[in-house]
Amino acid sequence: MKKITLAAICAILASSPLYAGERVGDFALIDHEGVFHHMAWYDDQQAIVLLPQANGGTDAQALAALADLRASYEAQGVTFLLINPGLDNDRDAVAAEAARLGIDLPVLMDDTQLVADMLGLRRLDEAVVYDPASFELLYRGEAGPALGQTLDQVLAGASVEMTVADTDGAEISFASLAAHGELTYEHDIAPIIAENCAECHRQGGIAPFAMDSKLAVKGWSPMIREVVLTKRMPPGQIDNKVGHKMRNEMNLADAEMQKLVAWIDAGANTQSETDPLTRLEWPETKWTLAEALGEPDLIVEIPEQTIPATGVVDYMNIPIDLGLTEDRWVRASEVAPGSPEVLHHIITTVIPPEGLRDPMEVISEAIDSLPEERAVAIRTEIFAAVAAGERPPIDRILREPGLDVSGLLVGGGDADQGSVAGYAPGNSFSLNPEGVGGLLKAGSRLNLQMHYTTSGKETTDATEIAIYFYDEGVIPAERMSGGVGNAFSIDIPAHAKDHEMQLVTYVPEEAEIYSLMPHMHFRGKRMDFTARYPDGSEEVLLSVPAYSFNWQLSHELETPLRVPAGTQIVASGAFDNSTQNEFNPDPNIDVHWGEQSWDEMFMGFYSWKNVEQTETGTD
């Protein structure tokens, strides 16, 4: 690369337009190791420096200069990152290249090329200085003295004008972006909105505003751009570049993101002969499952609850008599929230006519079924804790290999017993595959643990639950079961930005895994699930890199995964108890396990179907 002297830099700057910062906006990307990086989260840093990376093309001189700058400025509150501008999307290959070059920085994977284009990166030796508080660019040019001067100004609290210095490195090809040069609202944009947004963003939908016409989409286009680039919407996004494909994945495709942002940046032209969004029709029924199964066989009306405008609402436990006078087998169930703006979640427990078994009785029987030496060791540990006035380490005991506590998941430990759907935003129904179901005995009841949050105005909630039965006399041949991992020992230090935890759940029999769901509260940051097989091999099943308490989704595998008996599902995640977490109720306290939202949980919910099941046929 040609050397650029300070005199040359001055000459370049004299002919370059200067700005008091060039605002490009916020963005978020996932790095080559699957870690989520949202620029707004870094607003406690003085600046962010980004340099392009490309397999076989990273500029060696620029990389060396970046390392020198990092040594001088990182301890002063400057974050250094690399960004792959859509030239490579194989993360393993990027990781191998980083290892070869001795790079220990995150490489942000800009698969859509939208961020690199937004930052104005055009050459591989071109670095930028970005302000994560104002979302402005302060410098674009070589990674050298001029960049250091900009950082010195930032650290001194001086007013910084945008500096642009030309470089002569290899050019970055933006071929994938160039493919979306000619876009129309009618044929390119409206179909994306209809497929991915309109179901929630419509009159009567759960979203706060409607996108049901071209005028509405144009009006909301700046916000659409922001939430797409920060990956806030669509909600509940997974890292779809790793793991198994999920049936209910809500991510936008790379090409869809490119089209939306390119169209908005070009002025959001809505000229069209017709407006496809005005022609969308929505079913009149409140039940999502009605399209596939028809109207429900039983609708359970939950007594109306009045939620105050402000304050904390204690958890409610509401008993419901189903009124069943005969046994029925459940195919599916669904919750229709009356007021989704205040109903945060429902945990549904089926209580059989004979009542629920005592959990400690189930655990004791499970311990007794273990080999005597192991059972004695566990009993001794429990006795010692009780004798010392301490809580027994139940969460650790429940992770004992071979400990079958499936009786905790169904009332009375009856393997036939069915379940009824609970509710969380984005997760409102349960649908068994054809031929799979569970039994609701005559006289069964429900207990609903209902959690409400206030919304600023007094609200009345009238939620309903729909249940779909198999035809009378039909007994489905198979049962869906599953597991719940729950870590009760949670100790998150105050101000911790990335407090890591891990939880192991065992699959006792050969089974097909159908779904996985992470659960944490406001400080939940990320969680991923890995299958660890008895032979020692592992594979990633699902990664949720930016967990949101507002969107708790059960992620359904498009193709159920068959796993051998003894497989471990390892849930690994982290909490953010710092001021950088905008949802954190109080970063100044240590946080422990608890049911309220300001406490924490670390849980994994799994559904699987055991392979070896006795076919019962039909009556």
Foldseek 3Di string as FASTA:
>chain_A
DDDQDPVNQVVQQVPDDKALFAALAWFWFAFLVGFIDTLLLLLVALKEKEAEDDQVAQDPVLVVLVVVLCVVPVVVRYHYAYEHQLRDDNSVSVVVSCVVSVHPHTYTYNNLSPVVVSQVDWARQWMWIANSNRNTTQEIGGSHDVVVVQVVCSSVVHRTMRRYDDDDHHTDDNVNLVVQPDDACAPQPLVVCVVQPQQQQPVVHVDPHHPQWLVSCLVCLVVVLNCLRHVPPPHQAFPVVFAFDFPPHRRDDSSSNSNSNSCVVVPSDHDDPDIVSNVDDDDPDLDPCCVPFNAFPAKFKFPKDKDAQADFDDWDKGKFWRQFQFKFWFFKKWKRKQDLLWWAKKDKAKAAQVGADDLVVLQLVLLVPDPPVSSVVLVVQCVVQVVVVHHRQVLVSQQPFRRDSLSVVHGPNDQQAFTHFMDHVVGTMDGHPPLETHMHGGRMMMIMGTGTHHDNHIDMMIMMMGTHTDPPQWDRFFYKGWDKRWRQWAKAAFADAWAKDKTKDFQAAWWWWFWKWKDKFLFWAWKWKKKQAPVGDIGTHIIRNGDDSRHTYITTRPGTHTGGGGIMIMMMGTTGLRVSRVSQPHSNHIAGDDDDRNHIITMMTIMITHPDGGGPGGD
